[in-house]
Amino acid sequence: MQFLLPLASILGIEVDVLLDRVKKNAIAWSAVALFALIGIVFILVAVSNAATLAWGPIVGPLAIALVAIVIAIGLWATMAIIEGIARRKALEKRHAQEKTALVTTAAMTALPLLLQSSLMRKIGIPVGGALAAAFLLSKSGGHPRAEDETLD
């Protein structure tokens, strides 16, 4: 924490003002959370009383417990699905990065061998440059005149 104080002073951040603001907001958010929790508890008590009156002293609380368990299982399943999707996306990203690294390594390894060939130096490099230029010019965002033509 000591190394952050000189950095904050260089950036012009008043640490004391920032800490006071965080403390004030923390107290306010704690109060909001406390009163929200009190409200939720009283709503649950009212629902429990209504269920007890409607279905009896055993079935009413059991119905509320069953609903709470179903909601908890639904939330757990949703979180598991979201985590699985995130894990799959991270795995796909890692595979794409590994594939890119492999292709780059192969290209960097093959490049000196290809450049030793006189045919590649005389024909391959100019053709490759022309193809790269054609590709860059064919991209819609790469050519400033392409935007003007689409407006006409």
N, C-alpha and C. Protein backbone atom coordinates (compact mmCIF):
# COMPACT_ATOMS: atom_id res chain seq x y z
N MET A 1 0.83 -1.19 0.00
CA MET A 1 0.00 0.00 0.00
C MET A 1 0.87 1.25 0.00
N GLN A 2 2.05 1.15 0.58
CA GLN A 2 2.93 2.32 0.67
C GLN A 2 3.41 2.78 -0.70
N PHE A 3 3.58 1.87 -1.63
CA PHE A 3 4.05 2.26 -2.96
C PHE A 3 2.95 2.92 -3.77
N LEU A 4 1.69 2.77 -3.39
CA LEU A 4 0.61 3.40 -4.13
C LEU A 4 0.44 4.88 -3.81
N LEU A 5 0.86 5.30 -2.62
CA LEU A 5 0.70 6.70 -2.23
C LEU A 5 1.50 7.65 -3.12
N PRO A 6 2.81 7.40 -3.39
CA PRO A 6 3.52 8.30 -4.31
C PRO A 6 2.94 8.29 -5.72
N LEU A 7 2.49 7.10 -6.17
CA LEU A 7 1.87 7.00 -7.49
C LEU A 7 0.60 7.83 -7.54
N ALA A 8 -0.19 7.76 -6.49
CA ALA A 8 -1.44 8.53 -6.45
C ALA A 8 -1.14 10.03 -6.43
N SER A 9 -0.11 10.44 -5.72
CA SER A 9 0.21 11.87 -5.68
C SER A 9 0.73 12.35 -7.04
N ILE A 10 1.43 11.49 -7.76
CA ILE A 10 1.91 11.86 -9.09
C ILE A 10 0.71 12.03 -10.02
N LEU A 11 -0.28 11.16 -9.90
CA LEU A 11 -1.45 11.22 -10.76
C LEU A 11 -2.45 12.29 -10.33
N GLY A 12 -2.22 12.90 -9.18
CA GLY A 12 -3.10 13.95 -8.71
C GLY A 12 -4.34 13.44 -8.01
N ILE A 13 -4.29 12.24 -7.51
CA ILE A 13 -5.43 11.65 -6.82
C ILE A 13 -5.26 11.91 -5.33
N GLU A 14 -6.27 12.48 -4.73
CA GLU A 14 -6.26 12.69 -3.29
C GLU A 14 -6.71 11.41 -2.61
N VAL A 15 -5.78 10.72 -1.97
CA VAL A 15 -6.07 9.43 -1.38
C VAL A 15 -7.06 9.58 -0.22
N ASP A 16 -6.89 10.61 0.58
CA ASP A 16 -7.78 10.80 1.73
C ASP A 16 -9.22 11.02 1.27
N VAL A 17 -9.40 11.84 0.24
CA VAL A 17 -10.75 12.11 -0.27
C VAL A 17 -11.35 10.83 -0.85
N LEU A 18 -10.53 10.07 -1.56
CA LEU A 18 -11.00 8.82 -2.15
C LEU A 18 -11.40 7.82 -1.06
N LEU A 19 -10.60 7.69 -0.03
CA LEU A 19 -10.92 6.78 1.07
C LEU A 19 -12.16 7.22 1.82
N ASP A 20 -12.33 8.52 2.02
CA ASP A 20 -13.54 9.02 2.68
C ASP A 20 -14.78 8.71 1.86
N ARG A 21 -14.69 8.88 0.54
CA ARG A 21 -15.82 8.60 -0.33
C ARG A 21 -16.18 7.11 -0.30
N VAL A 22 -15.17 6.26 -0.31
CA VAL A 22 -15.42 4.82 -0.25
C VAL A 22 -16.07 4.45 1.08
N LYS A 23 -15.59 5.03 2.18
CA LYS A 23 -16.17 4.74 3.49
C LYS A 23 -17.62 5.21 3.56
N LYS A 24 -17.90 6.41 3.06
CA LYS A 24 -19.27 6.91 3.08
C LYS A 24 -20.19 6.03 2.23
N ASN A 25 -19.73 5.65 1.07
CA ASN A 25 -20.54 4.78 0.21
C ASN A 25 -20.72 3.40 0.81
N ALA A 26 -19.69 2.90 1.49
CA ALA A 26 -19.80 1.59 2.11
C ALA A 26 -20.85 1.61 3.21
N ILE A 27 -20.89 2.66 3.99
CA ILE A 27 -21.89 2.77 5.05
C ILE A 27 -23.28 2.87 4.44
N ALA A 28 -23.44 3.65 3.39
CA ALA A 28 -24.74 3.80 2.75
C ALA A 28 -25.21 2.49 2.13
N TRP A 29 -24.32 1.78 1.42
CA TRP A 29 -24.70 0.51 0.80
C TRP A 29 -24.98 -0.55 1.86
N SER A 30 -24.27 -0.50 2.98
CA SER A 30 -24.55 -1.43 4.07
C SER A 30 -25.94 -1.19 4.63
N ALA A 31 -26.32 0.08 4.77
CA ALA A 31 -27.66 0.40 5.26
C ALA A 31 -28.73 -0.06 4.27
N VAL A 32 -28.48 0.15 2.98
CA VAL A 32 -29.43 -0.30 1.96
C VAL A 32 -29.58 -1.82 2.03
N ALA A 33 -28.47 -2.54 2.13
CA ALA A 33 -28.53 -4.00 2.20
C ALA A 33 -29.25 -4.47 3.46
N LEU A 34 -29.01 -3.81 4.58
CA LEU A 34 -29.66 -4.19 5.84
C LEU A 34 -31.17 -4.03 5.72
N PHE A 35 -31.64 -2.89 5.24
CA PHE A 35 -33.08 -2.66 5.14
C PHE A 35 -33.72 -3.55 4.07
N ALA A 36 -33.00 -3.84 3.01
CA ALA A 36 -33.52 -4.78 2.01
C ALA A 36 -33.66 -6.17 2.62
N LEU A 37 -32.70 -6.58 3.41
CA LEU A 37 -32.76 -7.87 4.08
C LEU A 37 -33.93 -7.93 5.06
N ILE A 38 -34.14 -6.86 5.81
CA ILE A 38 -35.28 -6.80 6.73
C ILE A 38 -36.59 -6.91 5.94
N GLY A 39 -36.69 -6.20 4.83
CA GLY A 39 -37.89 -6.28 4.01
C GLY A 39 -38.13 -7.67 3.47
N ILE A 40 -37.09 -8.34 3.02
CA ILE A 40 -37.22 -9.69 2.49
C ILE A 40 -37.66 -10.66 3.58
N VAL A 41 -37.11 -10.50 4.79
CA VAL A 41 -37.50 -11.37 5.91
C VAL A 41 -38.97 -11.19 6.22
N PHE A 42 -39.45 -9.96 6.26
CA PHE A 42 -40.86 -9.74 6.58
C PHE A 42 -41.77 -10.23 5.45
N ILE A 43 -41.33 -10.14 4.21
CA ILE A 43 -42.12 -10.70 3.10
C ILE A 43 -42.21 -12.21 3.26
N LEU A 44 -41.09 -12.84 3.61
CA LEU A 44 -41.11 -14.29 3.80
C LEU A 44 -42.00 -14.69 4.98
N VAL A 45 -41.99 -13.91 6.06
CA VAL A 45 -42.86 -14.20 7.20
C VAL A 45 -44.32 -14.09 6.78
N ALA A 46 -44.64 -13.05 5.99
CA ALA A 46 -46.02 -12.88 5.53
C ALA A 46 -46.43 -14.03 4.61
N VAL A 47 -45.55 -14.44 3.72
CA VAL A 47 -45.85 -15.56 2.83
C VAL A 47 -46.03 -16.84 3.65
N SER A 48 -45.21 -17.02 4.65
CA SER A 48 -45.33 -18.20 5.51
C SER A 48 -46.66 -18.20 6.26
N ASN A 49 -47.04 -17.05 6.79
CA ASN A 49 -48.33 -16.97 7.48
C ASN A 49 -49.49 -17.24 6.53
N ALA A 50 -49.44 -16.68 5.33
CA ALA A 50 -50.50 -16.90 4.36
C ALA A 50 -50.56 -18.37 3.95
N ALA A 51 -49.40 -18.98 3.74
CA ALA A 51 -49.37 -20.40 3.36
C ALA A 51 -49.88 -21.27 4.51
N THR A 52 -49.56 -20.89 5.74
CA THR A 52 -50.05 -21.64 6.90
C THR A 52 -51.57 -21.55 7.00
N LEU A 53 -52.11 -20.36 6.76
CA LEU A 53 -53.56 -20.20 6.80
C LEU A 53 -54.24 -20.95 5.65
N ALA A 54 -53.60 -20.95 4.47
CA ALA A 54 -54.23 -21.57 3.31
C ALA A 54 -54.11 -23.09 3.32
N TRP A 55 -52.94 -23.62 3.71
CA TRP A 55 -52.72 -25.05 3.56
C TRP A 55 -52.49 -25.79 4.88
N GLY A 56 -52.39 -25.06 5.97
CA GLY A 56 -52.18 -25.71 7.26
C GLY A 56 -50.76 -25.50 7.77
N PRO A 57 -50.53 -25.85 9.04
CA PRO A 57 -49.24 -25.57 9.66
C PRO A 57 -48.10 -26.48 9.19
N ILE A 58 -48.40 -27.55 8.51
CA ILE A 58 -47.32 -28.44 8.04
C ILE A 58 -47.07 -28.23 6.55
N VAL A 59 -48.12 -28.21 5.77
CA VAL A 59 -47.97 -28.12 4.32
C VAL A 59 -47.50 -26.73 3.89
N GLY A 60 -47.95 -25.68 4.54
CA GLY A 60 -47.57 -24.32 4.17
C GLY A 60 -46.07 -24.08 4.22
N PRO A 61 -45.42 -24.32 5.39
CA PRO A 61 -43.96 -24.15 5.42
C PRO A 61 -43.22 -25.12 4.50
N LEU A 62 -43.74 -26.32 4.33
CA LEU A 62 -43.10 -27.25 3.40
C LEU A 62 -43.16 -26.74 1.96
N ALA A 63 -44.28 -26.12 1.59
CA ALA A 63 -44.39 -25.55 0.24
C ALA A 63 -43.38 -24.43 0.04
N ILE A 64 -43.24 -23.58 1.05
CA ILE A 64 -42.25 -22.49 0.95
C ILE A 64 -40.83 -23.06 0.86
N ALA A 65 -40.55 -24.08 1.65
CA ALA A 65 -39.22 -24.71 1.62
C ALA A 65 -38.97 -25.34 0.25
N LEU A 66 -40.00 -25.99 -0.30
CA LEU A 66 -39.85 -26.61 -1.62
C LEU A 66 -39.59 -25.57 -2.70
N VAL A 67 -40.30 -24.46 -2.65
CA VAL A 67 -40.08 -23.38 -3.63
C VAL A 67 -38.66 -22.82 -3.50
N ALA A 68 -38.19 -22.63 -2.26
CA ALA A 68 -36.84 -22.12 -2.03
C ALA A 68 -35.79 -23.09 -2.57
N ILE A 69 -36.01 -24.39 -2.36
CA ILE A 69 -35.06 -25.39 -2.86
C ILE A 69 -35.06 -25.42 -4.38
N VAL A 70 -36.22 -25.32 -5.00
CA VAL A 70 -36.29 -25.31 -6.47
C VAL A 70 -35.58 -24.08 -7.03
N ILE A 71 -35.77 -22.93 -6.38
CA ILE A 71 -35.07 -21.71 -6.82
C ILE A 71 -33.57 -21.87 -6.68
N ALA A 72 -33.13 -22.45 -5.55
CA ALA A 72 -31.69 -22.66 -5.34
C ALA A 72 -31.11 -23.60 -6.38
N ILE A 73 -31.83 -24.68 -6.69
CA ILE A 73 -31.35 -25.62 -7.72
C ILE A 73 -31.31 -24.94 -9.08
N GLY A 74 -32.31 -24.12 -9.38
CA GLY A 74 -32.31 -23.39 -10.65
C GLY A 74 -31.13 -22.43 -10.76
N LEU A 75 -30.85 -21.71 -9.67
CA LEU A 75 -29.70 -20.80 -9.68
C LEU A 75 -28.39 -21.57 -9.82
N TRP A 76 -28.28 -22.69 -9.12
CA TRP A 76 -27.06 -23.50 -9.20
C TRP A 76 -26.86 -24.01 -10.63
N ALA A 77 -27.95 -24.50 -11.25
CA ALA A 77 -27.85 -25.02 -12.61
C ALA A 77 -27.47 -23.90 -13.59
N THR A 78 -28.05 -22.73 -13.40
CA THR A 78 -27.72 -21.60 -14.26
C THR A 78 -26.25 -21.22 -14.12
N MET A 79 -25.77 -21.16 -12.89
CA MET A 79 -24.36 -20.83 -12.67
C MET A 79 -23.44 -21.89 -13.27
N ALA A 80 -23.82 -23.16 -13.16
CA ALA A 80 -23.00 -24.23 -13.73
C ALA A 80 -22.96 -24.13 -15.25
N ILE A 81 -24.11 -23.82 -15.86
CA ILE A 81 -24.16 -23.68 -17.32
C ILE A 81 -23.31 -22.50 -17.78
N ILE A 82 -23.43 -21.37 -17.08
CA ILE A 82 -22.65 -20.18 -17.44
C ILE A 82 -21.16 -20.46 -17.29
N GLU A 83 -20.78 -21.15 -16.21
CA GLU A 83 -19.36 -21.47 -16.01
C GLU A 83 -18.85 -22.43 -17.08
N GLY A 84 -19.69 -23.40 -17.47
CA GLY A 84 -19.31 -24.32 -18.54
C GLY A 84 -19.11 -23.60 -19.87
N ILE A 85 -19.99 -22.66 -20.17
CA ILE A 85 -19.86 -21.87 -21.40
C ILE A 85 -18.58 -21.05 -21.36
N ALA A 86 -18.31 -20.41 -20.22
CA ALA A 86 -17.08 -19.61 -20.09
C ALA A 86 -15.84 -20.49 -20.22
N ARG A 87 -15.89 -21.67 -19.61
CA ARG A 87 -14.74 -22.58 -19.69
C ARG A 87 -14.52 -23.04 -21.13
N ARG A 88 -15.63 -23.33 -21.85
CA ARG A 88 -15.51 -23.77 -23.23
C ARG A 88 -14.95 -22.65 -24.11
N LYS A 89 -15.40 -21.40 -23.89
CA LYS A 89 -14.88 -20.27 -24.67
C LYS A 89 -13.41 -20.06 -24.39
N ALA A 90 -13.01 -20.19 -23.12
CA ALA A 90 -11.59 -20.03 -22.78
C ALA A 90 -10.76 -21.12 -23.43
N LEU A 91 -11.29 -22.36 -23.46
CA LEU A 91 -10.58 -23.46 -24.09
C LEU A 91 -10.45 -23.24 -25.59
N GLU A 92 -11.53 -22.77 -26.23
CA GLU A 92 -11.48 -22.48 -27.67
C GLU A 92 -10.48 -21.37 -27.96
N LYS A 93 -10.45 -20.34 -27.10
CA LYS A 93 -9.51 -19.24 -27.29
C LYS A 93 -8.08 -19.74 -27.15
N ARG A 94 -7.85 -20.61 -26.14
CA ARG A 94 -6.50 -21.14 -25.95
C ARG A 94 -6.09 -22.00 -27.13
N HIS A 95 -7.02 -22.81 -27.67
CA HIS A 95 -6.70 -23.63 -28.84
C HIS A 95 -6.38 -22.75 -30.04
N ALA A 96 -7.14 -21.67 -30.23
CA ALA A 96 -6.88 -20.77 -31.35
C ALA A 96 -5.51 -20.10 -31.19
N GLN A 97 -5.17 -19.72 -29.97
CA GLN A 97 -3.86 -19.11 -29.74
C GLN A 97 -2.74 -20.12 -29.99
N GLU A 98 -2.95 -21.36 -29.55
CA GLU A 98 -1.93 -22.38 -29.79
C GLU A 98 -1.78 -22.67 -31.28
N LYS A 99 -2.92 -22.69 -32.00
CA LYS A 99 -2.85 -22.93 -33.44
C LYS A 99 -2.12 -21.79 -34.14
N THR A 100 -2.41 -20.55 -33.73
CA THR A 100 -1.73 -19.40 -34.32
C THR A 100 -0.23 -19.45 -34.03
N ALA A 101 0.12 -19.82 -32.80
CA ALA A 101 1.54 -19.93 -32.46
C ALA A 101 2.21 -21.03 -33.27
N LEU A 102 1.51 -22.15 -33.47
CA LEU A 102 2.08 -23.24 -34.25
C LEU A 102 2.29 -22.84 -35.71
N VAL A 103 1.29 -22.17 -36.29
CA VAL A 103 1.41 -21.74 -37.68
C VAL A 103 2.51 -20.69 -37.82
N THR A 104 2.59 -19.78 -36.87
CA THR A 104 3.65 -18.76 -36.91
C THR A 104 5.03 -19.40 -36.80
N THR A 105 5.16 -20.35 -35.90
CA THR A 105 6.44 -21.04 -35.74
C THR A 105 6.81 -21.80 -37.01
N ALA A 106 5.83 -22.47 -37.60
CA ALA A 106 6.10 -23.20 -38.84
C ALA A 106 6.51 -22.25 -39.96
N ALA A 107 5.82 -21.12 -40.04
CA ALA A 107 6.14 -20.14 -41.08
C ALA A 107 7.53 -19.55 -40.86
N MET A 108 7.85 -19.25 -39.61
CA MET A 108 9.17 -18.68 -39.33
C MET A 108 10.27 -19.71 -39.57
N THR A 109 9.97 -20.98 -39.37
CA THR A 109 10.95 -22.03 -39.62
C THR A 109 11.13 -22.25 -41.12
N ALA A 110 10.04 -22.20 -41.87
CA ALA A 110 10.11 -22.47 -43.31
C ALA A 110 10.59 -21.28 -44.12
N LEU A 111 10.46 -20.08 -43.57
CA LEU A 111 10.81 -18.88 -44.33
C LEU A 111 12.26 -18.86 -44.80
N PRO A 112 13.26 -19.16 -43.97
CA PRO A 112 14.65 -19.15 -44.48
C PRO A 112 14.87 -20.19 -45.58
N LEU A 113 14.21 -21.34 -45.44
CA LEU A 113 14.37 -22.36 -46.48
C LEU A 113 13.75 -21.91 -47.80
N LEU A 114 12.60 -21.26 -47.72
CA LEU A 114 11.95 -20.78 -48.93
C LEU A 114 12.72 -19.64 -49.57
N LEU A 115 13.31 -18.77 -48.76
CA LEU A 115 14.04 -17.62 -49.31
C LEU A 115 15.36 -18.02 -49.96
N GLN A 116 15.83 -19.23 -49.66
CA GLN A 116 17.06 -19.68 -50.31
C GLN A 116 16.82 -20.02 -51.78
N SER A 117 15.59 -20.32 -52.13
CA SER A 117 15.26 -20.66 -53.51
C SER A 117 15.22 -19.38 -54.35
N SER A 118 15.91 -19.42 -55.49
CA SER A 118 15.93 -18.24 -56.37
C SER A 118 14.55 -18.02 -57.01
N LEU A 119 13.82 -19.08 -57.28
CA LEU A 119 12.48 -18.95 -57.84
C LEU A 119 11.56 -18.21 -56.88
N MET A 120 11.66 -18.52 -55.59
CA MET A 120 10.82 -17.85 -54.60
C MET A 120 11.18 -16.37 -54.52
N ARG A 121 12.47 -16.04 -54.56
CA ARG A 121 12.86 -14.64 -54.49
C ARG A 121 12.41 -13.86 -55.72
N LYS A 122 12.44 -14.49 -56.88
CA LYS A 122 12.11 -13.77 -58.11
C LYS A 122 10.61 -13.70 -58.36
N ILE A 123 9.86 -14.74 -58.01
CA ILE A 123 8.43 -14.78 -58.33
C ILE A 123 7.56 -14.74 -57.07
N GLY A 124 7.91 -15.50 -56.08
CA GLY A 124 7.06 -15.68 -54.91
C GLY A 124 6.87 -14.42 -54.08
N ILE A 125 7.93 -13.70 -53.83
CA ILE A 125 7.82 -12.49 -53.00
C ILE A 125 6.99 -11.42 -53.69
N PRO A 126 7.23 -11.11 -54.98
CA PRO A 126 6.36 -10.11 -55.63
C PRO A 126 4.89 -10.54 -55.71
N VAL A 127 4.63 -11.82 -56.00
CA VAL A 127 3.25 -12.30 -56.06
C VAL A 127 2.61 -12.23 -54.67
N GLY A 128 3.33 -12.61 -53.65
CA GLY A 128 2.81 -12.53 -52.29
C GLY A 128 2.50 -11.09 -51.89
N GLY A 129 3.37 -10.17 -52.25
CA GLY A 129 3.12 -8.76 -51.96
C GLY A 129 1.89 -8.25 -52.69
N ALA A 130 1.75 -8.65 -53.96
CA ALA A 130 0.58 -8.22 -54.74
C ALA A 130 -0.71 -8.79 -54.15
N LEU A 131 -0.69 -10.06 -53.73
CA LEU A 131 -1.87 -10.67 -53.11
C LEU A 131 -2.21 -9.97 -51.78
N ALA A 132 -1.19 -9.65 -51.00
CA ALA A 132 -1.43 -8.97 -49.73
C ALA A 132 -2.03 -7.58 -49.98
N ALA A 133 -1.50 -6.87 -50.97
CA ALA A 133 -2.04 -5.55 -51.29
C ALA A 133 -3.47 -5.65 -51.80
N ALA A 134 -3.75 -6.65 -52.64
CA ALA A 134 -5.11 -6.83 -53.14
C ALA A 134 -6.07 -7.16 -52.00
N PHE A 135 -5.62 -7.99 -51.08
CA PHE A 135 -6.47 -8.33 -49.93
C PHE A 135 -6.77 -7.10 -49.08
N LEU A 136 -5.75 -6.31 -48.80
CA LEU A 136 -5.96 -5.11 -47.98
C LEU A 136 -6.85 -4.09 -48.68
N LEU A 137 -6.72 -3.96 -49.99
CA LEU A 137 -7.55 -3.01 -50.72
C LEU A 137 -8.99 -3.50 -50.90
N SER A 138 -9.18 -4.82 -50.85
CA SER A 138 -10.53 -5.35 -51.02
C SER A 138 -11.36 -5.29 -49.75
N LYS A 139 -10.73 -5.08 -48.61
CA LYS A 139 -11.48 -4.96 -47.35
C LYS A 139 -12.30 -3.69 -47.40
N SER A 140 -13.56 -3.75 -46.91
CA SER A 140 -14.46 -2.60 -47.02
C SER A 140 -13.98 -1.43 -46.18
N GLY A 141 -13.44 -1.69 -45.00
CA GLY A 141 -13.00 -0.60 -44.14
C GLY A 141 -11.61 -0.10 -44.48
N GLY A 142 -10.88 -0.81 -45.31
CA GLY A 142 -9.50 -0.45 -45.59
C GLY A 142 -9.34 0.60 -46.68
N HIS A 143 -10.34 0.77 -47.51
CA HIS A 143 -10.23 1.69 -48.63
C HIS A 143 -11.18 2.85 -48.39
N PRO A 144 -10.68 4.11 -48.36
CA PRO A 144 -11.55 5.23 -48.05
C PRO A 144 -12.60 5.49 -49.12
N ARG A 145 -12.37 5.09 -50.37
CA ARG A 145 -13.33 5.35 -51.45
C ARG A 145 -14.50 4.38 -51.37
N ALA A 146 -14.34 3.25 -50.70
CA ALA A 146 -15.43 2.25 -50.62
C ALA A 146 -16.59 2.82 -49.85
N GLU A 147 -16.35 3.65 -48.85
CA GLU A 147 -17.43 4.25 -48.08
C GLU A 147 -18.19 5.29 -48.92
N ASP A 148 -17.46 6.03 -49.78
CA ASP A 148 -18.11 7.03 -50.62
C ASP A 148 -19.02 6.36 -51.66
N GLU A 149 -18.60 5.22 -52.20
CA GLU A 149 -19.38 4.53 -53.22
C GLU A 149 -20.67 3.97 -52.65
N THR A 150 -20.65 3.54 -51.38
CA THR A 150 -21.86 2.96 -50.79
C THR A 150 -22.89 4.05 -50.48
N LEU A 151 -22.48 5.31 -50.38
CA LEU A 151 -23.41 6.38 -50.08
C LEU A 151 -24.18 6.81 -51.32
N ASP A 152 -23.65 6.56 -52.53
CA ASP A 152 -24.30 7.00 -53.77
C ASP A 152 -25.51 6.20 -54.09
